[in-house]
N, C-alpha and C. Protein backbone atom coordinates (compact mmCIF):
# COMPACT_ATOMS: atom_id res chain seq x y z
N UNK A 1 32.19 76.65 -31.77
CA UNK A 1 31.23 75.86 -32.51
C UNK A 1 31.77 74.46 -32.77
N UNK A 2 33.06 74.36 -33.13
CA UNK A 2 33.66 73.06 -33.37
C UNK A 2 33.62 72.20 -32.11
N UNK A 3 33.89 72.85 -30.96
CA UNK A 3 33.90 72.12 -29.71
C UNK A 3 32.52 71.53 -29.42
N UNK A 4 31.47 72.29 -29.68
CA UNK A 4 30.10 71.80 -29.45
C UNK A 4 29.78 70.64 -30.39
N UNK A 5 30.20 70.74 -31.64
CA UNK A 5 29.93 69.68 -32.60
C UNK A 5 30.69 68.41 -32.21
N UNK A 6 31.93 68.56 -31.81
CA UNK A 6 32.72 67.40 -31.38
C UNK A 6 32.10 66.77 -30.14
N UNK A 7 31.68 67.61 -29.21
CA UNK A 7 31.07 67.12 -27.98
C UNK A 7 29.79 66.35 -28.30
N UNK A 8 28.96 66.89 -29.17
CA UNK A 8 27.71 66.23 -29.55
C UNK A 8 28.00 64.90 -30.23
N UNK A 9 29.01 64.88 -31.09
CA UNK A 9 29.39 63.63 -31.76
C UNK A 9 29.83 62.59 -30.74
N UNK A 10 30.67 62.99 -29.80
CA UNK A 10 31.15 62.06 -28.78
C UNK A 10 30.02 61.54 -27.91
N UNK A 11 29.07 62.41 -27.58
CA UNK A 11 27.90 61.96 -26.81
C UNK A 11 27.12 60.90 -27.58
N UNK A 12 26.92 61.14 -28.86
CA UNK A 12 26.16 60.18 -29.68
C UNK A 12 26.89 58.85 -29.76
N UNK A 13 28.21 58.87 -29.93
CA UNK A 13 28.98 57.64 -30.01
C UNK A 13 28.92 56.88 -28.69
N UNK A 14 29.13 57.59 -27.59
CA UNK A 14 29.08 56.94 -26.29
C UNK A 14 27.70 56.36 -26.00
N UNK A 15 26.69 57.09 -26.35
CA UNK A 15 25.34 56.64 -26.09
C UNK A 15 24.98 55.41 -26.93
N UNK A 16 25.54 55.33 -28.12
CA UNK A 16 25.24 54.21 -29.00
C UNK A 16 26.00 52.94 -28.62
N UNK A 17 26.95 53.06 -27.74
CA UNK A 17 27.79 51.92 -27.36
C UNK A 17 27.16 51.07 -26.27
N UNK A 18 25.99 50.59 -26.52
CA UNK A 18 25.45 49.60 -25.62
C UNK A 18 24.44 50.09 -24.61
N UNK A 19 23.27 50.33 -25.06
CA UNK A 19 22.18 50.60 -24.14
C UNK A 19 21.06 49.61 -24.45
N UNK A 20 20.48 49.06 -23.42
CA UNK A 20 19.38 48.12 -23.60
C UNK A 20 18.04 48.81 -23.39
N UNK A 21 18.05 50.11 -23.31
CA UNK A 21 16.83 50.87 -23.06
C UNK A 21 15.95 50.82 -24.30
N UNK A 22 14.73 50.30 -24.19
CA UNK A 22 13.85 50.20 -25.34
C UNK A 22 13.24 51.55 -25.76
N UNK A 23 13.36 52.55 -24.90
CA UNK A 23 12.79 53.86 -25.22
C UNK A 23 13.61 54.53 -26.32
N UNK A 24 12.94 55.29 -27.15
CA UNK A 24 13.60 56.07 -28.20
C UNK A 24 13.93 57.45 -27.64
N UNK A 25 15.10 57.99 -28.00
CA UNK A 25 15.47 59.32 -27.51
C UNK A 25 14.78 60.42 -28.29
N UNK A 26 13.52 60.68 -27.96
CA UNK A 26 12.75 61.73 -28.62
C UNK A 26 12.40 62.80 -27.60
N UNK A 27 12.04 63.96 -28.08
CA UNK A 27 11.66 65.05 -27.17
C UNK A 27 10.44 64.64 -26.34
N UNK A 28 9.54 63.88 -26.93
CA UNK A 28 8.36 63.44 -26.20
C UNK A 28 8.73 62.54 -25.03
N UNK A 29 9.63 61.59 -25.26
CA UNK A 29 10.06 60.68 -24.19
C UNK A 29 10.83 61.45 -23.13
N UNK A 30 11.76 62.29 -23.56
CA UNK A 30 12.56 63.07 -22.61
C UNK A 30 11.64 63.94 -21.75
N UNK A 31 10.70 64.62 -22.40
CA UNK A 31 9.82 65.55 -21.69
C UNK A 31 8.81 64.83 -20.81
N UNK A 32 8.09 63.86 -21.36
CA UNK A 32 6.97 63.27 -20.63
C UNK A 32 7.35 62.13 -19.70
N UNK A 33 8.39 61.35 -20.05
CA UNK A 33 8.74 60.19 -19.23
C UNK A 33 9.87 60.47 -18.23
N UNK A 34 10.67 61.48 -18.50
CA UNK A 34 11.79 61.77 -17.59
C UNK A 34 11.62 63.10 -16.88
N UNK A 35 11.50 64.18 -17.63
CA UNK A 35 11.49 65.51 -17.01
C UNK A 35 10.19 65.85 -16.31
N UNK A 36 9.05 65.51 -16.90
CA UNK A 36 7.77 65.86 -16.26
C UNK A 36 7.61 65.21 -14.89
N UNK A 37 7.80 63.89 -14.77
CA UNK A 37 7.62 63.29 -13.44
C UNK A 37 8.70 63.70 -12.44
N UNK A 38 9.90 63.93 -12.91
CA UNK A 38 11.01 64.24 -12.01
C UNK A 38 11.08 65.71 -11.66
N UNK A 39 10.91 66.57 -12.65
CA UNK A 39 11.12 68.01 -12.46
C UNK A 39 9.83 68.83 -12.49
N UNK A 40 8.87 68.39 -13.28
CA UNK A 40 7.66 69.18 -13.47
C UNK A 40 6.55 68.91 -12.48
N UNK A 41 6.49 67.72 -11.94
CA UNK A 41 5.43 67.40 -11.00
C UNK A 41 5.76 67.78 -9.57
N UNK A 42 6.99 68.14 -9.32
CA UNK A 42 7.37 68.63 -8.01
C UNK A 42 7.14 70.13 -8.00
N UNK A 43 7.42 70.78 -6.91
CA UNK A 43 7.11 72.21 -6.81
C UNK A 43 8.18 73.11 -7.40
N UNK A 44 8.99 72.60 -8.28
CA UNK A 44 10.08 73.40 -8.82
C UNK A 44 9.81 73.94 -10.23
N UNK A 45 9.58 73.05 -11.17
CA UNK A 45 9.52 73.46 -12.58
C UNK A 45 8.20 73.10 -13.24
N UNK A 46 7.11 73.58 -12.65
CA UNK A 46 5.80 73.41 -13.27
C UNK A 46 5.40 74.74 -13.89
N UNK A 47 4.33 74.75 -14.65
CA UNK A 47 3.89 75.99 -15.28
C UNK A 47 3.37 77.00 -14.25
N UNK A 48 3.10 76.55 -13.04
CA UNK A 48 2.66 77.51 -12.02
C UNK A 48 3.83 78.07 -11.21
N UNK A 49 4.88 77.30 -11.03
CA UNK A 49 6.02 77.79 -10.23
C UNK A 49 7.12 78.40 -11.09
N UNK A 50 7.43 77.78 -12.22
CA UNK A 50 8.43 78.28 -13.16
C UNK A 50 9.75 78.70 -12.50
N UNK A 51 10.27 77.89 -11.58
CA UNK A 51 11.55 78.19 -10.95
C UNK A 51 12.61 78.37 -12.04
N UNK A 52 13.36 79.45 -11.96
CA UNK A 52 14.37 79.82 -12.96
C UNK A 52 13.78 79.97 -14.35
N UNK A 53 12.47 80.16 -14.43
CA UNK A 53 11.81 80.33 -15.72
C UNK A 53 11.64 79.04 -16.50
N UNK A 54 11.76 77.89 -15.81
CA UNK A 54 11.70 76.59 -16.48
C UNK A 54 10.45 75.82 -16.07
N UNK A 55 9.83 75.16 -17.05
CA UNK A 55 8.66 74.33 -16.77
C UNK A 55 8.73 73.05 -17.58
N UNK A 56 8.42 71.93 -16.94
CA UNK A 56 8.48 70.63 -17.59
C UNK A 56 7.24 69.78 -17.35
N UNK A 57 6.19 70.34 -16.77
CA UNK A 57 5.05 69.51 -16.39
C UNK A 57 4.18 69.08 -17.57
N UNK A 58 4.30 69.73 -18.70
CA UNK A 58 3.58 69.31 -19.90
C UNK A 58 4.56 69.29 -21.07
N UNK A 59 4.21 68.57 -22.11
CA UNK A 59 5.05 68.52 -23.30
C UNK A 59 5.21 69.92 -23.90
N UNK A 60 4.13 70.67 -23.93
CA UNK A 60 4.19 72.02 -24.50
C UNK A 60 5.13 72.92 -23.69
N UNK A 61 5.05 72.83 -22.37
CA UNK A 61 5.93 73.63 -21.52
C UNK A 61 7.39 73.22 -21.72
N UNK A 62 7.62 71.93 -21.80
CA UNK A 62 8.99 71.44 -22.01
C UNK A 62 9.54 71.91 -23.35
N UNK A 63 8.70 71.90 -24.38
CA UNK A 63 9.17 72.35 -25.70
C UNK A 63 9.48 73.84 -25.71
N UNK A 64 8.86 74.61 -24.83
CA UNK A 64 9.20 76.04 -24.71
C UNK A 64 10.48 76.22 -23.90
N UNK A 65 10.72 75.34 -22.94
CA UNK A 65 11.85 75.45 -22.02
C UNK A 65 13.14 74.86 -22.60
N UNK A 66 13.04 73.72 -23.26
CA UNK A 66 14.22 72.96 -23.66
C UNK A 66 15.14 73.61 -24.70
N UNK A 67 14.64 74.42 -25.64
CA UNK A 67 15.60 74.98 -26.61
C UNK A 67 16.77 75.73 -25.95
N UNK A 68 16.50 76.51 -24.93
CA UNK A 68 17.57 77.21 -24.23
C UNK A 68 18.48 76.22 -23.52
N UNK A 69 17.92 75.14 -23.01
CA UNK A 69 18.69 74.19 -22.20
C UNK A 69 19.49 73.18 -23.03
N UNK A 70 19.26 73.11 -24.32
CA UNK A 70 20.00 72.14 -25.13
C UNK A 70 21.32 72.70 -25.62
N UNK A 71 21.58 73.96 -25.37
CA UNK A 71 22.88 74.53 -25.72
C UNK A 71 23.93 73.87 -24.83
N UNK A 72 24.95 73.29 -25.43
CA UNK A 72 25.94 72.54 -24.68
C UNK A 72 26.76 73.40 -23.73
N UNK A 73 26.89 74.68 -24.04
CA UNK A 73 27.76 75.52 -23.22
C UNK A 73 27.00 76.54 -22.38
N UNK A 74 25.68 76.47 -22.38
CA UNK A 74 24.89 77.42 -21.62
C UNK A 74 24.92 77.14 -20.12
N UNK A 75 24.71 78.18 -19.33
CA UNK A 75 24.73 78.03 -17.88
C UNK A 75 23.64 77.06 -17.41
N UNK A 76 22.48 77.09 -18.08
CA UNK A 76 21.38 76.20 -17.72
C UNK A 76 21.36 74.95 -18.59
N UNK A 77 22.47 74.62 -19.22
CA UNK A 77 22.53 73.48 -20.11
C UNK A 77 21.99 72.23 -19.43
N UNK A 78 21.10 71.53 -20.13
CA UNK A 78 20.53 70.31 -19.60
C UNK A 78 21.65 69.30 -19.30
N UNK A 79 22.60 69.19 -20.21
CA UNK A 79 23.73 68.27 -19.97
C UNK A 79 24.47 68.66 -18.69
N UNK A 80 24.74 69.93 -18.55
CA UNK A 80 25.51 70.40 -17.40
C UNK A 80 24.79 70.11 -16.07
N UNK A 81 23.51 70.40 -16.00
CA UNK A 81 22.81 70.25 -14.72
C UNK A 81 22.55 68.80 -14.34
N UNK A 82 22.40 67.91 -15.32
CA UNK A 82 22.17 66.51 -14.94
C UNK A 82 23.47 65.77 -14.63
N UNK A 83 24.60 66.30 -15.09
CA UNK A 83 25.90 65.69 -14.83
C UNK A 83 26.68 66.39 -13.72
N UNK A 84 26.17 67.49 -13.23
CA UNK A 84 26.89 68.25 -12.19
C UNK A 84 26.94 67.46 -10.88
N UNK A 85 27.82 67.88 -10.03
CA UNK A 85 27.88 67.31 -8.68
C UNK A 85 27.61 68.44 -7.70
N UNK A 86 27.19 68.09 -6.53
CA UNK A 86 26.95 69.10 -5.51
C UNK A 86 25.71 69.92 -5.78
N UNK A 87 25.76 71.18 -5.41
CA UNK A 87 24.60 72.06 -5.45
C UNK A 87 24.10 72.43 -6.82
N UNK A 88 24.88 72.23 -7.87
CA UNK A 88 24.44 72.57 -9.22
C UNK A 88 23.67 71.45 -9.90
N UNK A 89 23.73 70.23 -9.34
CA UNK A 89 23.07 69.08 -9.96
C UNK A 89 21.55 69.20 -9.84
N UNK A 90 20.87 68.83 -10.90
CA UNK A 90 19.42 68.77 -10.90
C UNK A 90 18.99 67.37 -11.30
N UNK A 91 17.97 66.85 -10.67
CA UNK A 91 17.31 67.39 -9.50
C UNK A 91 18.24 67.37 -8.28
N UNK A 92 18.05 68.32 -7.38
CA UNK A 92 19.01 68.49 -6.29
C UNK A 92 19.03 67.37 -5.25
N UNK A 93 17.89 66.74 -4.99
CA UNK A 93 17.83 65.74 -3.92
C UNK A 93 18.42 64.39 -4.31
N UNK A 94 18.31 64.02 -5.56
CA UNK A 94 18.88 62.76 -6.02
C UNK A 94 19.07 62.84 -7.53
N UNK A 95 20.13 62.23 -8.03
CA UNK A 95 20.36 62.29 -9.47
C UNK A 95 19.31 61.50 -10.24
N UNK A 96 19.20 61.80 -11.50
CA UNK A 96 18.33 61.01 -12.37
C UNK A 96 18.88 59.60 -12.46
N UNK A 97 18.03 58.68 -12.81
CA UNK A 97 18.43 57.30 -13.05
C UNK A 97 19.48 57.30 -14.18
N UNK A 98 20.54 56.50 -14.06
CA UNK A 98 21.55 56.46 -15.11
C UNK A 98 20.99 56.16 -16.50
N UNK A 99 19.96 55.33 -16.60
CA UNK A 99 19.35 55.05 -17.91
C UNK A 99 18.69 56.30 -18.48
N UNK A 100 18.09 57.11 -17.61
CA UNK A 100 17.47 58.36 -18.07
C UNK A 100 18.55 59.34 -18.53
N UNK A 101 19.65 59.41 -17.79
CA UNK A 101 20.76 60.29 -18.18
C UNK A 101 21.32 59.85 -19.52
N UNK A 102 21.49 58.54 -19.71
CA UNK A 102 21.99 58.03 -20.99
C UNK A 102 21.06 58.39 -22.14
N UNK A 103 19.76 58.28 -21.90
CA UNK A 103 18.79 58.61 -22.95
C UNK A 103 18.83 60.10 -23.28
N UNK A 104 18.94 60.95 -22.28
CA UNK A 104 19.06 62.39 -22.52
C UNK A 104 20.35 62.68 -23.28
N UNK A 105 21.45 62.04 -22.89
CA UNK A 105 22.72 62.23 -23.59
C UNK A 105 22.61 61.83 -25.06
N UNK A 106 21.94 60.72 -25.32
CA UNK A 106 21.74 60.27 -26.70
C UNK A 106 20.93 61.30 -27.47
N UNK A 107 19.87 61.78 -26.86
CA UNK A 107 19.01 62.77 -27.51
C UNK A 107 19.79 64.05 -27.79
N UNK A 108 20.54 64.54 -26.82
CA UNK A 108 21.35 65.74 -27.03
C UNK A 108 22.39 65.52 -28.12
N UNK A 109 23.02 64.34 -28.09
CA UNK A 109 24.04 64.02 -29.09
C UNK A 109 23.50 63.93 -30.50
N UNK A 110 22.20 63.64 -30.62
CA UNK A 110 21.59 63.57 -31.95
C UNK A 110 21.07 64.92 -32.41
N UNK A 111 21.35 65.96 -31.64
CA UNK A 111 20.90 67.30 -32.03
C UNK A 111 19.59 67.72 -31.40
N UNK A 112 19.16 67.02 -30.35
CA UNK A 112 17.91 67.37 -29.65
C UNK A 112 16.75 67.46 -30.63
N UNK A 113 16.59 66.41 -31.40
CA UNK A 113 15.54 66.39 -32.44
C UNK A 113 14.16 66.57 -31.82
N UNK A 114 13.34 67.29 -32.56
CA UNK A 114 11.96 67.49 -32.14
C UNK A 114 11.68 68.86 -31.57
N UNK A 115 12.74 69.63 -31.36
CA UNK A 115 12.52 70.98 -30.83
C UNK A 115 12.38 71.98 -31.95
């Protein structure tokens, strides 16, 4: 538990150290502006395909999916899959934009507010 708290604190500090992104790190922004277009609108994580039981194509679907993925040490951890290299990285064809990754990191570091 201490390790997760320290990790979350470090993420928040790093994320606060200089981002010019005008978007706020909220569950709505993470779900609708980053995850839905990237993960939910493709044939992987929509409410009809539910690959690995995950859906991001709507805010409601993302709010059902994200609680499990915000655990810092979980196998399906959102942090883990967006920072992974090779076959474990999501999305698999190309990484998320660095600004989107920074925003997700900030949101996770703040405790994934809104879930």
